[in-house]
Protein backbone atom coordinates (compact mmCIF):
# COMPACT_ATOMS: atom_id res chain seq x y z
CA MET A 1 130.23 242.83 75.72
CA ASN A 2 131.01 240.94 72.19
CA ARG A 3 128.27 241.11 69.46
CA LEU A 4 127.21 237.68 68.13
CA LYS A 5 126.15 236.52 64.51
CA SER A 6 122.43 237.13 64.66
CA PRO A 7 119.06 237.80 66.71
CA LEU A 8 117.05 234.81 67.28
CA ARG A 9 113.35 235.64 67.79
CA ARG A 10 111.96 236.16 71.45
CA ALA A 11 109.22 233.51 71.33
CA LEU A 12 111.82 231.05 70.91
CA ALA A 13 113.76 232.49 73.57
CA VAL A 14 110.39 232.21 76.17
CA ALA A 15 110.04 228.50 74.56
CA ALA A 16 113.62 227.27 75.60
CA GLY A 17 113.94 228.89 78.52
CA ALA A 18 111.20 226.85 79.84
CA THR A 19 112.59 223.95 78.43
CA ILE A 20 115.35 224.20 80.29
CA GLY A 21 113.39 225.17 83.28
CA LEU A 22 110.91 221.91 83.02
CA VAL A 23 113.53 219.90 82.55
CA GLY A 24 116.03 220.75 85.26
CA ALA A 25 119.76 219.86 85.72
CA VAL A 26 119.27 216.50 85.01
CA ALA A 27 121.70 214.94 82.29
CA LEU A 28 121.08 212.22 80.07
CA ALA A 29 124.15 210.79 78.81
CA THR A 30 124.05 207.27 76.59
CA PRO A 31 126.33 204.39 77.43
CA ALA A 32 129.86 204.28 75.02
CA SER A 33 128.91 201.61 72.92
CA ALA A 34 129.43 200.87 69.33
CA HIS A 35 125.48 200.02 67.93
CA TYR A 36 125.41 199.13 65.05
CA THR A 37 122.82 198.19 62.15
CA ALA A 38 123.72 194.85 59.72
CA PRO A 39 121.66 194.96 56.55
CA THR A 40 122.04 192.34 55.07
CA GLY A 41 120.19 190.62 51.76
CA SER A 42 118.96 187.41 49.49
CA ALA A 43 118.09 187.00 45.81
CA ILE A 44 116.31 184.77 44.38
CA CYS A 45 114.87 184.54 40.15
CA ASP A 46 111.20 184.49 39.90
CA THR A 47 110.67 183.17 36.38
CA THR A 48 106.84 183.88 36.51
CA THR A 49 107.97 187.37 35.95
CA GLY A 50 111.56 187.23 35.28
CA GLU A 51 111.96 189.80 37.96
CA TRP A 52 114.44 189.37 40.93
CA GLU A 53 113.14 188.71 44.67
CA ILE A 54 114.84 190.37 46.97
CA THR A 55 114.54 189.54 50.98
CA TRP A 56 116.42 192.17 52.81
CA THR A 57 117.04 192.00 56.67
CA VAL A 58 118.37 194.50 59.24
CA ARG A 59 119.55 193.36 62.28
CA SER A 60 120.42 195.03 65.86
CA GLU A 61 124.38 194.08 66.67
CA TRP A 62 126.09 195.25 69.68
CA HIS A 63 122.78 196.89 71.69
CA PHE A 64 123.97 196.52 75.34
CA GLN A 65 121.42 197.48 77.65
CA ALA A 66 119.18 198.82 74.93
CA THR A 67 116.03 196.65 74.26
CA LYS A 68 114.55 198.68 71.91
CA PHE A 69 115.57 200.44 68.19
CA ARG A 70 114.02 202.02 65.35
CA LEU A 71 114.92 203.36 62.17
CA ASN A 72 115.88 207.05 61.32
CA ALA A 73 116.43 206.62 57.62
CA VAL A 74 115.85 204.14 54.89
CA TYR A 75 117.27 204.49 51.48
CA HIS A 76 117.65 201.91 48.86
CA THR A 77 118.52 200.94 45.17
CA PRO A 78 117.21 200.70 42.59
CA ALA A 79 115.54 204.34 43.39
CA ASP A 80 112.93 203.38 40.94
CA THR A 81 111.34 199.63 42.76
CA THR A 82 109.32 199.37 45.29
CA LEU A 83 110.99 197.69 49.54
CA GLU A 84 107.67 196.95 51.41
CA GLY A 85 108.03 196.15 54.85
CA ILE A 86 111.00 198.24 56.00
CA GLU A 87 110.73 201.98 56.12
CA ARG A 88 111.92 204.92 58.26
CA THR A 89 110.13 205.15 61.36
CA ARG A 90 107.71 207.93 62.53
CA ILE A 91 108.15 209.54 65.53
CA ARG A 92 105.13 209.18 67.44
CA ASP A 93 106.41 205.55 67.11
CA GLY A 94 109.09 205.72 69.31
CA TYR A 95 111.32 202.49 69.29
CA PRO A 96 109.00 199.85 67.75
CA HIS A 97 111.53 196.44 66.72
CA SER A 98 112.83 194.08 69.28
CA VAL A 99 116.76 194.17 69.33
CA ARG A 100 116.63 190.42 69.04
CA LYS A 101 114.56 190.32 66.27
CA GLY A 102 115.81 191.82 62.83
CA VAL A 103 113.22 193.97 60.64
CA THR A 104 112.31 191.94 57.34
CA GLY A 105 111.46 193.57 53.89
CA THR A 106 111.41 192.66 50.31
CA GLN A 107 112.03 194.44 47.01
CA ARG A 108 111.21 193.53 43.97
CA VAL A 109 113.79 194.27 40.21
CA PRO A 110 113.98 194.42 37.17
CA GLY A 111 115.28 191.10 36.02
CA THR A 112 118.14 192.91 33.70
CA THR A 113 119.46 194.56 37.73
CA THR A 114 122.87 193.71 38.51
CA HIS A 115 122.96 195.44 42.01
CA ALA A 116 121.02 196.72 44.27
CA THR A 117 121.68 198.19 47.88
CA LEU A 118 119.91 198.98 51.01
CA ALA A 119 121.52 201.84 53.30
CA VAL A 120 119.79 202.80 56.89
CA LYS A 121 120.10 204.57 59.98
CA GLY A 122 119.33 202.95 63.39
CA ALA A 123 118.33 205.02 66.94
CA TRP A 124 118.39 202.43 70.47
CA ASN A 125 116.20 203.56 73.26
CA ASP A 126 119.59 204.18 75.67
CA GLY A 127 119.42 207.13 73.63
CA TYR A 128 122.52 205.89 70.77
CA ALA A 129 121.91 206.69 67.28
CA GLU A 130 124.22 206.38 63.65
CA LYS A 131 125.68 208.84 62.45
CA ASP A 132 126.31 206.98 59.26
CA PHE A 133 124.20 205.08 57.19
CA ARG A 134 125.01 200.95 57.13
CA LYS A 135 124.45 199.47 54.11
CA GLY A 136 123.78 195.92 52.59
CA GLU A 137 124.67 195.30 49.24
CA ILE A 138 123.70 191.95 46.86
CA GLU A 139 125.40 191.64 42.81
CA LEU A 140 122.19 190.23 40.18
CA GLY A 141 123.25 187.95 37.44
CA GLY A 142 120.84 190.32 35.66
CA ASP A 143 119.95 187.50 33.50
CA CYS A 144 116.31 186.97 35.47
CA VAL A 145 113.53 185.83 32.43
CA ILE A 146 110.70 184.68 32.57
CA ASP A 147 110.95 180.75 32.27
CA THR A 148 109.25 179.76 28.67
CA PRO A 149 109.38 175.87 27.91
CA GLU A 150 111.21 174.63 24.72
CA PRO A 151 108.98 174.09 21.42
CA THR A 152 109.08 170.70 20.49
CA PRO A 153 111.34 170.89 17.33
CA SER A 154 110.00 169.93 13.43
CA PRO A 155 111.49 166.41 12.67
CA THR A 156 114.43 167.07 10.47
CA PRO A 157 114.33 165.81 6.33
CA ASP A 158 116.52 163.50 5.11
CA THR A 159 118.68 164.97 3.28
CA SER A 160 121.51 161.71 2.52
CA PRO A 161 122.50 161.36 -1.04
CA THR A 162 120.62 159.54 -3.71
CA PRO A 163 123.72 156.59 -4.76
CA GLU A 164 124.23 159.06 -8.37
CA GLU A 165 125.17 162.20 -6.05
CA SER A 166 128.26 162.44 -4.43
CA PRO A 167 128.12 164.88 -1.53
CA THR A 168 129.41 168.48 -2.11
CA PRO A 169 132.54 169.02 1.07
CA GLU A 170 131.70 172.16 2.51
CA GLU A 171 134.34 175.14 3.23
CA SER A 172 134.87 176.05 7.18
CA PRO A 173 133.55 178.90 7.72
CA THR A 174 136.41 181.96 8.66
CA PRO A 175 136.13 182.51 12.47
CA VAL A 176 134.81 185.91 12.99
CA GLU A 177 136.04 187.38 16.82
CA PRO A 178 133.50 189.15 18.29
CA ASP A 179 133.59 193.26 18.27
CA PRO A 180 133.97 194.90 22.03
CA ILE A 181 131.54 195.51 23.80
CA ALA A 182 130.69 198.25 27.14
CA ILE A 183 127.45 197.71 29.20
CA PRO A 184 126.89 200.76 31.12
CA GLY A 185 124.25 201.23 34.07
CA ALA A 186 123.14 203.83 35.96
CA SER A 187 120.60 204.14 39.27
CA PHE A 188 119.59 207.20 41.07
CA LEU A 189 118.26 207.59 44.49
CA SER A 190 117.10 210.82 46.58
CA ASP A 191 117.62 211.78 49.92
CA CYS A 192 116.36 213.88 52.68
CA GLU A 193 118.76 216.42 52.72
CA GLY A 194 118.06 216.93 49.07
CA THR A 195 121.28 215.27 47.75
CA VAL A 196 120.99 212.57 44.26
CA TRP A 197 123.34 209.67 44.98
CA VAL A 198 124.45 207.74 41.50
CA THR A 199 125.90 204.10 41.38
CA ILE A 200 127.41 203.75 37.55
CA SER A 201 128.79 200.11 36.42
CA ASN A 202 130.12 198.25 33.41
CA GLY A 203 127.99 194.88 33.22
CA GLU A 204 129.66 191.14 33.70
CA ASP A 205 129.36 190.33 30.12
CA ALA A 206 131.08 193.35 29.09
CA THR A 207 134.23 192.90 26.96
CA GLU A 208 136.07 195.84 27.44
CA SER A 209 136.43 198.97 29.91
CA VAL A 210 133.65 201.88 29.30
CA ASP A 211 134.10 205.81 30.46
CA LEU A 212 131.09 207.12 32.12
CA THR A 213 130.10 210.65 33.08
CA VAL A 214 127.88 211.99 35.55
CA SER A 215 126.95 215.65 34.79
CA ALA A 216 124.50 217.93 36.27
CA GLY A 217 124.87 221.87 35.59
CA GLU A 218 128.77 222.55 36.67
CA PHE A 219 128.91 219.41 38.09
CA SER A 220 130.88 216.62 36.11
CA GLU A 221 132.83 213.45 37.02
CA THR A 222 134.12 210.73 34.97
CA HIS A 223 135.21 207.23 35.96
CA THR A 224 136.40 204.20 34.14
CA LEU A 225 134.58 201.14 34.77
CA ALA A 226 136.15 197.84 33.70
CA PRO A 227 133.64 194.77 32.71
CA GLY A 228 131.64 194.10 36.38
CA ASP A 229 133.00 197.23 38.25
CA SER A 230 130.51 199.79 39.31
CA LYS A 231 130.88 203.24 41.08
CA GLU A 232 128.65 203.89 44.11
CA ASP A 233 128.80 206.33 46.42
CA ILE A 234 128.55 209.65 44.07
CA GLN A 235 126.96 212.27 45.23
CA VAL A 236 125.11 215.27 43.51
CA PRO A 237 123.84 218.29 44.78
CA GLY A 238 119.76 218.10 44.24
CA ASP A 239 119.98 221.78 43.28
CA ALA A 240 122.29 221.59 40.47
CA GLY A 241 119.83 220.57 37.63
CA PRO A 242 118.74 217.36 35.99
CA VAL A 243 121.73 214.27 36.45
CA SER A 244 122.64 212.70 33.44
CA VAL A 245 125.51 209.60 32.69
CA THR A 246 127.04 209.53 29.60
CA ASN A 247 129.11 207.30 27.58
CA GLY A 248 130.55 209.49 25.24
CA ASP A 249 127.55 211.07 23.12
CA GLU A 250 125.21 208.65 24.27
CA LEU A 251 122.70 208.86 27.49
CA VAL A 252 122.80 205.85 29.80
CA SER A 253 119.56 206.46 31.00
CA GLU A 254 117.26 209.77 31.22
CA PRO A 255 117.78 212.60 33.48
CA TYR A 256 117.29 212.26 36.77
CA SER A 257 115.85 215.22 38.92
CA TRP A 258 116.29 215.35 42.53
CA VAL A 259 112.48 213.99 44.30
CA GLU A 260 111.50 214.63 48.27
CA PRO A 261 111.32 211.01 49.35
CA GLU A 262 107.77 210.05 51.15
CA ASN A 263 108.98 209.42 54.47
CA CYS A 264 110.85 212.22 54.94
CA VAL A 265 110.36 214.29 58.43
CA VAL A 266 112.09 217.82 59.16
CA PRO A 267 113.43 217.45 62.55
CA GLY A 268 112.75 220.67 64.39
CA GLU A 269 116.10 222.72 65.32
CA PRO A 270 117.78 222.36 68.74
CA GLU A 271 119.23 225.77 70.69
CA GLY A 272 121.35 226.91 72.81
CA GLY A 273 122.38 230.02 74.52
CA TYR A 274 125.06 231.11 77.75
CA GLU A 275 124.82 233.37 80.65
CA SER A 276 127.19 235.26 83.15
CA THR A 277 126.85 235.24 86.45
CA CYS A 278 129.02 237.20 89.12
CA ASP A 279 131.13 233.88 89.37
CA GLN A 280 130.22 231.39 86.67
CA LEU A 281 129.12 230.96 83.46
CA VAL A 282 126.13 228.87 83.03
CA ILE A 283 125.60 226.92 79.15
CA GLY A 284 122.60 225.69 78.19
CA PHE A 285 120.78 223.95 75.08
CA ALA A 286 117.04 223.02 74.13
CA ASN A 287 116.24 219.90 72.15
CA PRO A 288 112.99 219.63 70.92
CA GLU A 289 110.37 216.71 70.84
CA ASP A 290 110.94 216.07 67.02
CA GLY A 291 114.26 217.10 66.92
CA GLU A 292 117.74 215.05 66.76
CA ALA A 293 119.90 213.73 69.68
CA PHE A 294 123.42 215.45 69.17
CA THR A 295 126.56 215.29 71.07
CA VAL A 296 128.59 218.70 72.70
CA THR A 297 131.67 219.10 73.54
CA LEU A 298 132.45 221.85 76.26
CA THR A 299 136.18 222.51 76.30
CA PRO A 300 136.93 225.06 79.44
CA SER A 301 140.46 227.62 79.32
CA THR A 302 140.58 226.08 82.67
CA GLY A 303 139.88 222.89 83.90
CA ASP A 304 138.39 219.24 82.15
CA ALA A 305 136.01 219.44 78.72
CA GLN A 306 132.83 217.55 79.05
CA THR A 307 130.57 215.99 76.48
CA ILE A 308 127.01 215.68 76.83
CA THR A 309 124.16 214.57 74.23
CA VAL A 310 120.75 216.48 74.70
CA GLU A 311 117.88 213.79 73.67
CA PRO A 312 114.75 214.77 72.11
CA GLY A 313 112.77 216.47 74.25
CA VAL A 314 115.38 217.31 76.60
CA SER A 315 117.56 220.25 77.95
CA GLU A 316 120.94 220.38 79.58
CA VAL A 317 122.33 223.01 81.59
CA VAL A 318 126.10 223.07 82.45
CA GLU A 319 127.62 225.51 84.73
CA PHE A 320 131.25 226.52 85.04
CA ASP A 321 133.28 228.48 87.71
CA ALA A 322 134.75 231.39 85.83
CA SER A 323 136.86 234.72 86.22
CA GLU A 324 139.27 236.98 84.06
CA GLY A 325 139.61 235.57 81.03
CA PHE A 326 137.54 232.74 80.89
CA GLU A 327 136.22 231.06 78.10
CA VAL A 328 134.71 227.98 77.11
CA THR A 329 134.92 226.36 73.25
CA VAL A 330 131.42 224.88 72.16
CA VAL A 331 132.08 222.66 69.66
CA SER A 332 128.86 219.56 67.82
CA GLU A 333 129.60 217.13 65.12
CA GLU A 334 126.54 217.36 64.24
CA TRP A 335 125.21 220.60 64.48
CA GLY A 336 127.75 222.39 62.43
CA VAL A 337 129.08 224.62 65.66
CA ASP A 338 133.13 225.31 66.58
CA GLU A 339 132.07 228.50 68.79
CA THR A 340 134.15 229.97 71.73
CA VAL A 341 132.24 232.03 74.36
CA ALA A 342 133.82 234.48 76.61
CA TRP A 343 132.70 234.81 80.56
CA GLU A 344 131.64 238.66 81.18
CA LYS A 345 131.75 239.76 84.25
CA PRO A 346 128.62 241.57 84.62
CA GLU A 347 128.59 245.66 85.72
CA ASP A 348 126.31 244.98 89.00
CA CYS A 349 128.73 242.78 90.66
CA ASP A 350 130.49 244.94 92.41
CA THR A 351 127.23 246.92 93.41
CA GLU A 352 126.05 247.08 96.77
CA GLY A 353 123.32 244.05 96.82
CA GLY A 354 124.13 243.53 92.97
CA GLU A 355 123.53 239.64 93.30
CA GLY A 356 123.94 237.16 90.42
CA GLY A 357 124.13 240.04 87.77
CA GLU A 358 123.77 238.30 84.12
CA GLY A 359 124.99 239.17 80.89
CA GLY A 360 125.16 236.58 78.15
CA GLY A 361 124.10 235.46 74.92
CA GLU A 362 122.77 232.51 72.19
CA LEU A 363 125.26 229.92 71.20
CA PRO A 364 124.12 229.39 67.34
CA VAL A 365 121.31 227.72 66.29
CA THR A 366 121.13 225.99 62.95
CA GLY A 367 117.24 227.36 62.35
CA ALA A 368 113.82 227.85 64.36
CA ALA A 369 113.46 225.54 67.71
CA ALA A 370 109.96 223.77 68.30
CA GLY A 371 108.00 225.83 70.61
CA GLY A 372 105.72 222.93 72.10
CA ILE A 373 108.22 221.45 73.74
CA ALA A 374 107.88 224.38 76.57
CA ALA A 375 104.14 223.55 78.23
CA GLY A 376 104.65 222.79 81.77
CA ALA A 377 108.14 224.45 82.58
CA VAL A 378 107.02 225.43 86.16
CA ALA A 379 109.15 224.03 88.83
CA LEU A 380 112.15 224.93 87.91
CA LEU A 381 111.51 228.14 85.63
CA ALA A 382 114.61 229.37 87.63
CA ILE A 383 117.13 227.83 86.18
CA GLY A 384 115.14 227.74 82.45
CA GLY A 385 115.66 231.15 83.40
CA VAL A 386 119.10 231.07 82.02
CA LEU A 387 118.12 231.52 78.01
CA PHE A 388 115.22 233.93 79.03
CA TYR A 389 117.28 236.39 80.33
CA MET A 390 120.27 235.24 77.69
CA ALA A 391 117.69 235.69 74.49
CA ARG A 392 116.94 239.32 76.45
CA ARG A 393 120.04 240.90 76.19
CA ARG A 394 121.70 239.00 72.99
CA ARG A 395 120.91 235.89 70.44
CA VAL A 396 123.13 234.84 68.32
CA THR A 397 122.07 231.67 65.58
CA PHE A 398 123.72 228.94 65.45
CA THR A 399 125.30 228.30 61.93
CA ALA A 400 125.85 225.37 60.44
């Protein structure tokens, strides 16, 4: 029998096995839909403070049967400003937002700001969740200032020449060409995955292009920006060190280091396993209550492929009729898994009374799965035994 990648703790095996026992063979499938969030923004200049006041709205579009949604991630730029009213939904709050109403929030940024961004990931109560960020952007004039009344002009003294004097003709000044200028800018955003997102720009009032270099440790990228241009979504690993943006030898802003956002919640990690019986290959998955939904495709060497979505707090079991040479390829993009498992006939299948011999292992897991979801798994413990007995023989750790 093949040795799989690395052992898992027995306690996690018991937890996952009992979880599948609790849920049994009930499958939750999300509808084939194209839900998406739509963040949009509008801005006004607050002349009493000299700040831009941005009103952001996040709407749910094409939600089909879903009635509620939540925000799994919320990021905004400039990163050092505040956003009130739109935030990542806590797990215990479920799906608090109605799909018929937008979520509205307010962001205040300095009057010199030229660009602002709101990026979100949504999830709906029919099980569908966005994999990629949906982003709203707004261009600002960068010239919001405090409104001050103009001073009353002083009387102009009479400089008319006396009758005895003739005015001296004035010489016209020679026109002076203004020097070309660049107006470089940079903003930074830390996400929960340890990445620093950098946006660089050249102001609308600039008169020449500028070469801006983003660097951190061994990371370095240089971009040429024409007046009014910007470059977004430059991704710098947070562990690369402080991120600097330079224009030649000059710093555009103070170096920025990754900071964990306050609303980060580390999701629980799922786990999976398989078992060979005398005539079947059984594959199971367990997702903890605090995990994130993931989709996995099972492609057998004979027969049709199956795609399932495993929601938080849910376990799934898939059975395949198997014989010599049968194998199944397990692929999940969210999980970062591409693994093939083979059916192996248990040794006791040909012996008298050898009913349902077992052999198996565990599919790779990205980390430790939460054990709390196993409470009360009694009614269908026989099915839950799939992962328990797999773990007793051989476990594998998912590699992401």
